[in-house]
C-alpha atoms as a PDB file:
ATOM      1  CA  MET A   1      -6.422   0.155  25.270  1.00  0.00           C
ATOM      2  CA  GLU A   2      -4.826   0.168  21.836  1.00  0.00           C
ATOM      3  CA  LYS A   3      -6.757   1.712  18.987  1.00  0.00           C
ATOM      4  CA  THR A   4      -6.666   0.500  15.413  1.00  0.00           C
ATOM      5  CA  ILE A   5      -4.865   2.879  13.100  1.00  0.00           C
ATOM      6  CA  CYS A   6      -6.024   3.101   9.490  1.00  0.00           C
ATOM      7  CA  TYR A   7      -3.834   4.296   6.642  1.00  0.00           C
ATOM      8  CA  ILE A   8      -5.078   5.084   3.150  1.00  0.00           C
ATOM      9  CA  ILE A   9      -2.167   5.151   0.737  1.00  0.00           C
ATOM     10  CA  SER A  10      -2.697   6.601  -2.736  1.00  0.00           C
ATOM     11  CA  ILE A  11      -0.311   5.240  -5.353  1.00  0.00           C
ATOM     12  CA  LYS A  12       0.079   6.009  -9.021  1.00  0.00           C
ATOM     13  CA  ALA A  13       1.276   3.734 -11.809  1.00  0.00           C
ATOM     14  CA  LYS A  14       3.897   5.331 -14.033  1.00  0.00           C
ATOM     15  CA  PRO A  15       3.985   4.870 -17.836  1.00  0.00           C
ATOM     16  CA  ALA A  16       6.835   2.335 -17.528  1.00  0.00           C
ATOM     17  CA  TRP A  17       4.503   0.099 -15.499  1.00  0.00           C
ATOM     18  CA  LEU A  18       1.822   0.221 -18.145  1.00  0.00           C
ATOM     19  CA  LYS A  19       4.368  -0.822 -20.794  1.00  0.00           C
ATOM     20  CA  LEU A  20       5.133  -4.076 -18.943  1.00  0.00           C
ATOM     21  CA  ALA A  21       3.397  -7.260 -19.992  1.00  0.00           C
ATOM     22  CA  ARG A  22       0.613  -8.270 -17.610  1.00  0.00           C
ATOM     23  CA  GLY A  23       2.515 -11.400 -16.573  1.00  0.00           C
ATOM     24  CA  SER A  24       5.489  -9.290 -15.578  1.00  0.00           C
ATOM     25  CA  ARG A  25       3.230  -7.004 -13.552  1.00  0.00           C
ATOM     26  CA  GLU A  26       1.793 -10.023 -11.733  1.00  0.00           C
ATOM     27  CA  ASN A  27       5.289 -11.208 -10.826  1.00  0.00           C
ATOM     28  CA  HIS A  28       6.153  -7.807  -9.389  1.00  0.00           C
ATOM     29  CA  TRP A  29       3.002  -7.826  -7.246  1.00  0.00           C
ATOM     30  CA  LYS A  30       3.872 -11.338  -6.024  1.00  0.00           C
ATOM     31  CA  ALA A  31       6.939  -9.831  -4.333  1.00  0.00           C
ATOM     32  CA  VAL A  32       4.676  -7.358  -2.541  1.00  0.00           C
ATOM     33  CA  ALA A  33       2.240 -10.139  -1.606  1.00  0.00           C
ATOM     34  CA  GLN A  34       5.078 -12.081   0.004  1.00  0.00           C
ATOM     35  CA  ILE A  35       5.937  -9.087   2.197  1.00  0.00           C
ATOM     36  CA  VAL A  36       2.284  -8.549   3.094  1.00  0.00           C
ATOM     37  CA  GLN A  37       2.101 -12.221   4.110  1.00  0.00           C
ATOM     38  CA  GLU A  38       5.130 -11.777   6.381  1.00  0.00           C
ATOM     39  CA  PHE A  39       3.236  -9.040   8.247  1.00  0.00           C
ATOM     40  CA  ALA A  40      -0.102 -10.902   8.355  1.00  0.00           C
ATOM     41  CA  GLY A  41      -1.581 -10.674  11.828  1.00  0.00           C
ATOM     42  CA  LYS A  42       0.207  -7.372  12.392  1.00  0.00           C
ATOM     43  CA  VAL A  43      -0.912  -5.220   9.447  1.00  0.00           C
ATOM     44  CA  THR A  44      -3.819  -5.717   7.059  1.00  0.00           C
ATOM     45  CA  PHE A  45      -3.349  -4.743   3.403  1.00  0.00           C
ATOM     46  CA  GLN A  46      -6.186  -4.202   0.956  1.00  0.00           C
ATOM     47  CA  TYR A  47      -5.518  -3.150  -2.639  1.00  0.00           C
ATOM     48  CA  HIS A  48      -8.154  -1.214  -4.594  1.00  0.00           C
ATOM     49  CA  ASP A  49      -7.925  -0.288  -8.283  1.00  0.00           C
ATOM     50  CA  SER A  50      -9.164   3.281  -8.752  1.00  0.00           C
ATOM     51  CA  ASP A  51      -7.707   4.596 -12.014  1.00  0.00           C
ATOM     52  CA  ALA A  52     -11.145   4.718 -13.630  1.00  0.00           C
ATOM     53  CA  PHE A  53     -12.371   7.008 -10.867  1.00  0.00           C
ATOM     54  CA  HIS A  54      -9.533   9.376 -10.047  1.00  0.00           C
ATOM     55  CA  ALA A  55      -6.814  11.222 -11.968  1.00  0.00           C
ATOM     56  CA  ASP A  56      -4.331  11.874  -9.137  1.00  0.00           C
ATOM     57  CA  HIS A  57      -3.809   8.216  -8.271  1.00  0.00           C
ATOM     58  CA  SER A  58      -4.415   4.900  -9.957  1.00  0.00           C
ATOM     59  CA  ASP A  59      -4.761   2.677  -6.914  1.00  0.00           C
ATOM     60  CA  LEU A  60      -5.477   2.786  -3.197  1.00  0.00           C
ATOM     61  CA  VAL A  61      -4.072   0.627  -0.443  1.00  0.00           C
ATOM     62  CA  VAL A  62      -5.893   0.495   2.877  1.00  0.00           C
ATOM     63  CA  CYS A  63      -3.888  -0.771   5.840  1.00  0.00           C
ATOM     64  CA  GLU A  64      -4.965  -1.277   9.430  1.00  0.00           C
ATOM     65  CA  THR A  65      -2.745  -2.008  12.410  1.00  0.00           C
ATOM     66  CA  ASN A  66      -2.229  -1.410  16.101  1.00  0.00           C
ATOM     67  CA  SER A  67       1.503  -0.868  15.538  1.00  0.00           C
ATOM     68  CA  VAL A  68       2.951   2.109  13.727  1.00  0.00           C
ATOM     69  CA  ILE A  69       6.317   0.332  13.801  1.00  0.00           C
ATOM     70  CA  ASP A  70       5.011  -2.791  12.014  1.00  0.00           C
ATOM     71  CA  TYR A  71       3.271  -0.608   9.415  1.00  0.00           C
ATOM     72  CA  HIS A  72       6.474   1.377   8.870  1.00  0.00           C
ATOM     73  CA  ARG A  73       8.614  -1.768   8.570  1.00  0.00           C
ATOM     74  CA  MET A  74       6.199  -3.346   6.099  1.00  0.00           C
ATOM     75  CA  TRP A  75       6.234  -0.275   3.865  1.00  0.00           C
ATOM     76  CA  ASP A  76      10.022  -0.033   4.044  1.00  0.00           C
ATOM     77  CA  CYS A  77      10.143  -3.574   2.655  1.00  0.00           C
ATOM     78  CA  ILE A  78       7.504  -2.845   0.011  1.00  0.00           C
ATOM     79  CA  LYS A  79       9.342   0.271  -1.156  1.00  0.00           C
ATOM     80  CA  ASP A  80      12.471  -1.871  -1.648  1.00  0.00           C
ATOM     81  CA  THR A  81      10.668  -4.002  -4.253  1.00  0.00           C
ATOM     82  CA  ALA A  82      11.024  -3.237  -7.952  1.00  0.00           C
ATOM     83  CA  ILE A  83       7.529  -1.742  -8.089  1.00  0.00           C
ATOM     84  CA  PHE A  84       8.739   1.298  -6.155  1.00  0.00           C
ATOM     85  CA  ALA A  85      12.541   1.051  -6.351  1.00  0.00           C
ATOM     86  CA  ASP A  86      12.508   0.898 -10.157  1.00  0.00           C
ATOM     87  CA  GLY A  87       9.999   3.715 -10.398  1.00  0.00           C
ATOM     88  CA  TYR A  88       6.981   1.790 -11.682  1.00  0.00           C
ATOM     89  CA  TYR A  89       4.777   3.293  -8.974  1.00  0.00           C
ATOM     90  CA  GLU A  90       4.947   6.316  -6.734  1.00  0.00           C
ATOM     91  CA  ILE A  91       3.159   7.088  -3.487  1.00  0.00           C
ATOM     92  CA  THR A  92       1.107  10.248  -3.979  1.00  0.00           C
ATOM     93  CA  ASP A  93      -0.591  10.577  -0.590  1.00  0.00           C
ATOM     94  CA  VAL A  94      -0.896   8.901   2.802  1.00  0.00           C
ATOM     95  CA  ARG A  95      -3.777   9.596   5.175  1.00  0.00           C
ATOM     96  CA  MET A  96      -4.141   8.279   8.669  1.00  0.00           C
ATOM     97  CA  GLY A  97      -6.971   7.941  11.152  1.00  0.00           C
ATOM     98  CA  ILE A  98      -7.659   6.211  14.454  1.00  0.00           C
ATOM     99  CA  ARG A  99     -10.733   4.020  14.745  1.00  0.00           C
ATOM    100  CA  GLY A 100     -13.187   4.617  17.535  1.00  0.00           C
ATOM    101  CA  VAL A 101     -11.764   7.749  19.132  1.00  0.00           C
ATOM    102  CA  THR A 102     -14.567   9.540  20.972  1.00  0.00           C
ATOM    103  CA  HIS A 103     -14.684  12.856  22.707  1.00  0.00           C
ATOM    104  CA  GLY A 104     -15.632  12.983  26.311  1.00  0.00           C
END
């Protein structure tokens, strides 16, 4: 039986991101949303703003999947977008867990 794998990805906005107009930021995130849509049904993607609560990252992304390969492919595509490729954001941490693993 496959188990659901959860990833918590901490990302941090760089000063160049904050200098962009909000409309420009929205357009950049639309490129990410298109990729997320392509992987719908394979990988879930939830974005959480956290800059008011933490200094080491500005945002969290929570992904769940049964396929490490689909998760990896999705993030390869996301990292090719301007948000990461142009240095507007950086990934600061990735944590992983498996749902429902019991001992016994």
